Amino acid sequence: MKFGIHSEQFQNDYSEEENRQFTAEFGSITEAMVDQMKAGTSPEDPSVQAIVKEHYEFCSRFWKPTREAYKSLALSYILPSPYRDSYESVAEGLGQYHYDAIVTWADNNLE
């Protein structure tokens, strides 16, 4: 699976075990977001914002996004992209929900 024109530039130097850990950790963050969405919790709710903070900290291990860059990443969750397709395959509406939560967190926590 390819993830856009720049995906070929990414070099994964992590071990198989590290990649498994990253996948499990990201999956846990995603499932927590799904649980909040299905419970009807607002994206602005502190419990959802705590999950976004975890997501940002996870992303920051690979890349340190600014406010605008993090919000741009979130755009890929709602615009036609493999990221949107992936989120929507987990739960319908998850891309938009995660986008809304990220925009709120980024506006309140990043410069």
N, C-alpha and C. Protein backbone atom coordinates (compact mmCIF):
# COMPACT_ATOMS: atom_id res chain seq x y z
N MET A 1 0.85 -1.18 0.00
CA MET A 1 0.00 0.00 0.00
C MET A 1 0.89 1.23 0.00
N LYS A 2 0.58 2.19 -0.85
CA LYS A 2 1.33 3.44 -0.92
C LYS A 2 0.53 4.54 -0.25
N PHE A 3 1.25 5.47 0.39
CA PHE A 3 0.61 6.56 1.10
C PHE A 3 1.03 7.91 0.53
N GLY A 4 0.80 8.12 -0.74
CA GLY A 4 1.05 9.42 -1.33
C GLY A 4 2.41 9.53 -1.98
N ILE A 5 2.63 10.68 -2.58
CA ILE A 5 3.83 10.87 -3.38
C ILE A 5 5.11 10.89 -2.57
N HIS A 6 5.03 11.21 -1.30
CA HIS A 6 6.23 11.31 -0.47
C HIS A 6 6.51 10.04 0.32
N SER A 7 5.64 9.07 0.25
CA SER A 7 5.81 7.87 1.07
C SER A 7 7.08 7.12 0.75
N GLU A 8 7.54 7.23 -0.47
CA GLU A 8 8.77 6.53 -0.87
C GLU A 8 9.99 7.14 -0.20
N GLN A 9 9.86 8.38 0.32
CA GLN A 9 10.98 9.06 0.94
C GLN A 9 11.19 8.61 2.39
N PHE A 10 10.18 8.00 2.98
CA PHE A 10 10.26 7.55 4.36
C PHE A 10 11.05 6.25 4.42
N GLN A 11 12.02 6.23 5.30
CA GLN A 11 12.80 5.01 5.48
C GLN A 11 12.54 4.48 6.88
N ASN A 12 12.04 3.29 6.95
CA ASN A 12 11.73 2.66 8.23
C ASN A 12 12.93 1.84 8.67
N ASP A 13 13.66 2.39 9.63
CA ASP A 13 14.84 1.71 10.16
C ASP A 13 14.55 1.00 11.49
N TYR A 14 13.27 0.88 11.82
CA TYR A 14 12.90 0.26 13.08
C TYR A 14 12.88 -1.26 12.94
N SER A 15 13.10 -1.92 14.06
CA SER A 15 13.07 -3.38 14.05
C SER A 15 11.63 -3.87 13.90
N GLU A 16 11.50 -5.13 13.59
CA GLU A 16 10.17 -5.73 13.47
C GLU A 16 9.41 -5.59 14.79
N GLU A 17 10.09 -5.79 15.90
CA GLU A 17 9.45 -5.67 17.22
C GLU A 17 9.01 -4.23 17.48
N GLU A 18 9.86 -3.27 17.15
CA GLU A 18 9.49 -1.87 17.34
C GLU A 18 8.27 -1.52 16.49
N ASN A 19 8.24 -2.00 15.25
CA ASN A 19 7.08 -1.76 14.39
C ASN A 19 5.82 -2.39 14.96
N ARG A 20 5.93 -3.56 15.54
CA ARG A 20 4.77 -4.20 16.19
C ARG A 20 4.29 -3.35 17.36
N GLN A 21 5.23 -2.85 18.15
CA GLN A 21 4.86 -2.00 19.29
C GLN A 21 4.19 -0.71 18.83
N PHE A 22 4.72 -0.09 17.78
CA PHE A 22 4.11 1.13 17.26
C PHE A 22 2.70 0.85 16.77
N THR A 23 2.52 -0.25 16.07
CA THR A 23 1.20 -0.60 15.55
C THR A 23 0.21 -0.83 16.69
N ALA A 24 0.65 -1.53 17.72
CA ALA A 24 -0.22 -1.80 18.88
C ALA A 24 -0.57 -0.50 19.60
N GLU A 25 0.41 0.35 19.78
CA GLU A 25 0.17 1.62 20.48
C GLU A 25 -0.78 2.51 19.69
N PHE A 26 -0.54 2.61 18.38
CA PHE A 26 -1.42 3.42 17.54
C PHE A 26 -2.84 2.84 17.52
N GLY A 27 -2.93 1.52 17.47
CA GLY A 27 -4.24 0.86 17.51
C GLY A 27 -4.99 1.16 18.79
N SER A 28 -4.27 1.18 19.89
CA SER A 28 -4.89 1.48 21.19
C SER A 28 -5.42 2.92 21.22
N ILE A 29 -4.65 3.85 20.68
CA ILE A 29 -5.09 5.24 20.62
C ILE A 29 -6.34 5.35 19.74
N THR A 30 -6.32 4.67 18.61
CA THR A 30 -7.46 4.71 17.69
C THR A 30 -8.70 4.11 18.34
N GLU A 31 -8.54 2.98 19.01
CA GLU A 31 -9.70 2.35 19.67
C GLU A 31 -10.27 3.24 20.79
N ALA A 32 -9.41 3.93 21.51
CA ALA A 32 -9.89 4.85 22.54
C ALA A 32 -10.71 5.97 21.91
N MET A 33 -10.27 6.44 20.75
CA MET A 33 -11.00 7.49 20.04
C MET A 33 -12.35 6.95 19.56
N VAL A 34 -12.36 5.73 19.04
CA VAL A 34 -13.62 5.11 18.59
C VAL A 34 -14.59 4.98 19.77
N ASP A 35 -14.10 4.52 20.90
CA ASP A 35 -14.96 4.36 22.08
C ASP A 35 -15.62 5.68 22.47
N GLN A 36 -14.83 6.76 22.45
CA GLN A 36 -15.38 8.07 22.81
C GLN A 36 -16.41 8.54 21.78
N MET A 37 -16.09 8.32 20.50
CA MET A 37 -17.02 8.72 19.45
C MET A 37 -18.34 7.95 19.58
N LYS A 38 -18.24 6.63 19.78
CA LYS A 38 -19.46 5.82 19.89
C LYS A 38 -20.27 6.14 21.14
N ALA A 39 -19.58 6.64 22.18
CA ALA A 39 -20.27 7.04 23.41
C ALA A 39 -20.94 8.40 23.24
N GLY A 40 -20.67 9.08 22.12
CA GLY A 40 -21.27 10.39 21.88
C GLY A 40 -20.53 11.53 22.57
N THR A 41 -19.30 11.29 22.98
CA THR A 41 -18.51 12.31 23.66
C THR A 41 -18.07 13.36 22.65
N SER A 42 -18.20 14.62 23.01
CA SER A 42 -17.80 15.71 22.14
C SER A 42 -16.29 15.68 21.90
N PRO A 43 -15.85 16.00 20.69
CA PRO A 43 -14.40 16.05 20.43
C PRO A 43 -13.66 17.04 21.34
N GLU A 44 -14.38 18.02 21.87
CA GLU A 44 -13.78 19.01 22.75
C GLU A 44 -13.69 18.56 24.21
N ASP A 45 -14.33 17.44 24.53
CA ASP A 45 -14.34 16.93 25.90
C ASP A 45 -12.91 16.63 26.37
N PRO A 46 -12.60 16.92 27.64
CA PRO A 46 -11.25 16.66 28.14
C PRO A 46 -10.78 15.22 27.96
N SER A 47 -11.67 14.26 28.03
CA SER A 47 -11.25 12.86 27.85
C SER A 47 -10.79 12.61 26.42
N VAL A 48 -11.46 13.21 25.46
CA VAL A 48 -11.05 13.07 24.05
C VAL A 48 -9.76 13.85 23.81
N GLN A 49 -9.68 15.02 24.39
CA GLN A 49 -8.48 15.84 24.23
C GLN A 49 -7.25 15.14 24.82
N ALA A 50 -7.44 14.36 25.86
CA ALA A 50 -6.32 13.58 26.43
C ALA A 50 -5.86 12.51 25.44
N ILE A 51 -6.78 11.93 24.69
CA ILE A 51 -6.42 10.95 23.66
C ILE A 51 -5.65 11.64 22.54
N VAL A 52 -6.08 12.82 22.15
CA VAL A 52 -5.37 13.56 21.10
C VAL A 52 -3.95 13.87 21.57
N LYS A 53 -3.80 14.22 22.83
CA LYS A 53 -2.46 14.48 23.36
C LYS A 53 -1.58 13.23 23.21
N GLU A 54 -2.14 12.07 23.50
CA GLU A 54 -1.41 10.81 23.30
C GLU A 54 -1.03 10.63 21.83
N HIS A 55 -1.98 10.94 20.94
CA HIS A 55 -1.75 10.83 19.50
C HIS A 55 -0.62 11.76 19.09
N TYR A 56 -0.66 13.01 19.56
CA TYR A 56 0.38 13.97 19.22
C TYR A 56 1.74 13.49 19.73
N GLU A 57 1.78 13.00 20.97
CA GLU A 57 3.03 12.51 21.53
C GLU A 57 3.55 11.30 20.75
N PHE A 58 2.64 10.45 20.30
CA PHE A 58 3.03 9.31 19.46
C PHE A 58 3.66 9.83 18.16
N CYS A 59 2.97 10.75 17.49
CA CYS A 59 3.48 11.31 16.23
C CYS A 59 4.81 12.00 16.44
N SER A 60 4.97 12.65 17.58
CA SER A 60 6.19 13.42 17.86
C SER A 60 7.43 12.55 18.01
N ARG A 61 7.24 11.28 18.17
CA ARG A 61 8.40 10.37 18.22
C ARG A 61 9.04 10.22 16.85
N PHE A 62 8.29 10.54 15.81
CA PHE A 62 8.77 10.39 14.44
C PHE A 62 8.93 11.73 13.73
N TRP A 63 8.19 12.75 14.23
CA TRP A 63 8.10 14.03 13.54
C TRP A 63 7.51 15.01 14.53
N LYS A 64 8.04 16.22 14.62
CA LYS A 64 7.56 17.23 15.58
C LYS A 64 6.70 18.26 14.85
N PRO A 65 5.40 18.00 14.72
CA PRO A 65 4.56 18.90 13.94
C PRO A 65 4.22 20.21 14.67
N THR A 66 4.18 21.29 13.91
CA THR A 66 3.68 22.56 14.40
C THR A 66 2.14 22.48 14.44
N ARG A 67 1.51 23.54 14.90
CA ARG A 67 0.04 23.58 14.92
C ARG A 67 -0.51 23.34 13.52
N GLU A 68 -0.04 24.11 12.56
CA GLU A 68 -0.57 23.99 11.21
C GLU A 68 -0.25 22.64 10.59
N ALA A 69 0.94 22.12 10.85
CA ALA A 69 1.31 20.81 10.30
C ALA A 69 0.45 19.70 10.89
N TYR A 70 0.18 19.77 12.19
CA TYR A 70 -0.64 18.74 12.84
C TYR A 70 -2.08 18.81 12.32
N LYS A 71 -2.58 20.03 12.16
CA LYS A 71 -3.92 20.18 11.60
C LYS A 71 -3.96 19.71 10.14
N SER A 72 -2.88 19.90 9.41
CA SER A 72 -2.81 19.40 8.04
C SER A 72 -2.83 17.88 8.01
N LEU A 73 -2.13 17.25 8.95
CA LEU A 73 -2.21 15.79 9.06
C LEU A 73 -3.66 15.38 9.28
N ALA A 74 -4.35 16.09 10.16
CA ALA A 74 -5.75 15.77 10.44
C ALA A 74 -6.62 15.92 9.20
N LEU A 75 -6.27 16.85 8.32
CA LEU A 75 -7.03 17.00 7.07
C LEU A 75 -7.01 15.72 6.25
N SER A 76 -5.90 14.98 6.33
CA SER A 76 -5.82 13.73 5.58
C SER A 76 -6.79 12.69 6.11
N TYR A 77 -7.36 12.93 7.29
CA TYR A 77 -8.34 12.02 7.86
C TYR A 77 -9.73 12.25 7.30
N ILE A 78 -9.93 13.41 6.61
CA ILE A 78 -11.26 13.71 6.06
C ILE A 78 -11.26 13.90 4.55
N LEU A 79 -10.11 14.26 3.97
CA LEU A 79 -10.02 14.38 2.52
C LEU A 79 -9.74 13.01 1.91
N PRO A 80 -10.07 12.81 0.66
CA PRO A 80 -9.78 11.51 0.04
C PRO A 80 -8.29 11.16 0.17
N SER A 81 -8.02 10.09 0.92
CA SER A 81 -6.65 9.64 1.15
C SER A 81 -6.70 8.24 1.77
N PRO A 82 -5.58 7.54 1.74
CA PRO A 82 -5.55 6.24 2.42
C PRO A 82 -5.80 6.37 3.92
N TYR A 83 -5.40 7.50 4.51
CA TYR A 83 -5.65 7.70 5.95
C TYR A 83 -7.15 7.76 6.23
N ARG A 84 -7.87 8.55 5.43
CA ARG A 84 -9.33 8.63 5.61
C ARG A 84 -9.95 7.25 5.44
N ASP A 85 -9.54 6.57 4.39
CA ASP A 85 -10.10 5.25 4.13
C ASP A 85 -9.84 4.30 5.30
N SER A 86 -8.66 4.39 5.85
CA SER A 86 -8.30 3.53 6.98
C SER A 86 -9.18 3.83 8.19
N TYR A 87 -9.32 5.11 8.54
CA TYR A 87 -10.17 5.48 9.68
C TYR A 87 -11.62 5.09 9.45
N GLU A 88 -12.11 5.35 8.25
CA GLU A 88 -13.50 5.03 7.96
C GLU A 88 -13.75 3.52 7.97
N SER A 89 -12.72 2.72 7.68
CA SER A 89 -12.90 1.27 7.74
C SER A 89 -12.99 0.78 9.19
N VAL A 90 -12.45 1.56 10.11
CA VAL A 90 -12.54 1.21 11.54
C VAL A 90 -13.92 1.57 12.08
N ALA A 91 -14.37 2.79 11.77
CA ALA A 91 -15.69 3.24 12.22
C ALA A 91 -16.12 4.42 11.36
N GLU A 92 -17.32 4.35 10.84
CA GLU A 92 -17.83 5.43 10.00
C GLU A 92 -17.89 6.72 10.80
N GLY A 93 -17.30 7.77 10.24
CA GLY A 93 -17.29 9.07 10.90
C GLY A 93 -16.06 9.32 11.76
N LEU A 94 -15.21 8.29 11.90
CA LEU A 94 -14.03 8.44 12.76
C LEU A 94 -13.06 9.49 12.22
N GLY A 95 -12.88 9.56 10.92
CA GLY A 95 -11.98 10.56 10.36
C GLY A 95 -12.38 11.97 10.73
N GLN A 96 -13.66 12.29 10.58
CA GLN A 96 -14.15 13.63 10.92
C GLN A 96 -14.05 13.88 12.42
N TYR A 97 -14.40 12.90 13.21
CA TYR A 97 -14.34 13.03 14.66
C TYR A 97 -12.90 13.30 15.11
N HIS A 98 -11.97 12.51 14.59
CA HIS A 98 -10.57 12.68 14.96
C HIS A 98 -10.06 14.04 14.47
N TYR A 99 -10.44 14.44 13.28
CA TYR A 99 -10.07 15.76 12.75
C TYR A 99 -10.54 16.86 13.69
N ASP A 100 -11.81 16.83 14.06
CA ASP A 100 -12.37 17.87 14.94
C ASP A 100 -11.62 17.92 16.28
N ALA A 101 -11.30 16.75 16.81
CA ALA A 101 -10.59 16.69 18.09
C ALA A 101 -9.17 17.24 17.96
N ILE A 102 -8.49 16.91 16.88
CA ILE A 102 -7.12 17.38 16.66
C ILE A 102 -7.10 18.90 16.49
N VAL A 103 -8.02 19.44 15.71
CA VAL A 103 -8.04 20.88 15.50
C VAL A 103 -8.23 21.61 16.83
N THR A 104 -9.11 21.14 17.66
CA THR A 104 -9.32 21.75 18.98
C THR A 104 -8.04 21.68 19.81
N TRP A 105 -7.45 20.49 19.88
CA TRP A 105 -6.24 20.31 20.70
C TRP A 105 -5.10 21.18 20.17
N ALA A 106 -4.89 21.17 18.86
CA ALA A 106 -3.80 21.95 18.26
C ALA A 106 -3.98 23.44 18.51
N ASP A 107 -5.21 23.93 18.36
CA ASP A 107 -5.45 25.36 18.59
C ASP A 107 -5.21 25.76 20.05
N ASN A 108 -5.42 24.83 20.95
CA ASN A 108 -5.26 25.12 22.37
C ASN A 108 -3.87 24.80 22.93
N ASN A 109 -3.07 24.04 22.20
CA ASN A 109 -1.82 23.55 22.79
C ASN A 109 -0.56 23.79 21.95
N LEU A 110 -0.70 24.16 20.71
CA LEU A 110 0.48 24.33 19.86
C LEU A 110 0.57 25.77 19.34
N GLU A 111 1.78 26.16 19.04
CA GLU A 111 2.01 27.50 18.48
C GLU A 111 2.08 27.44 16.99
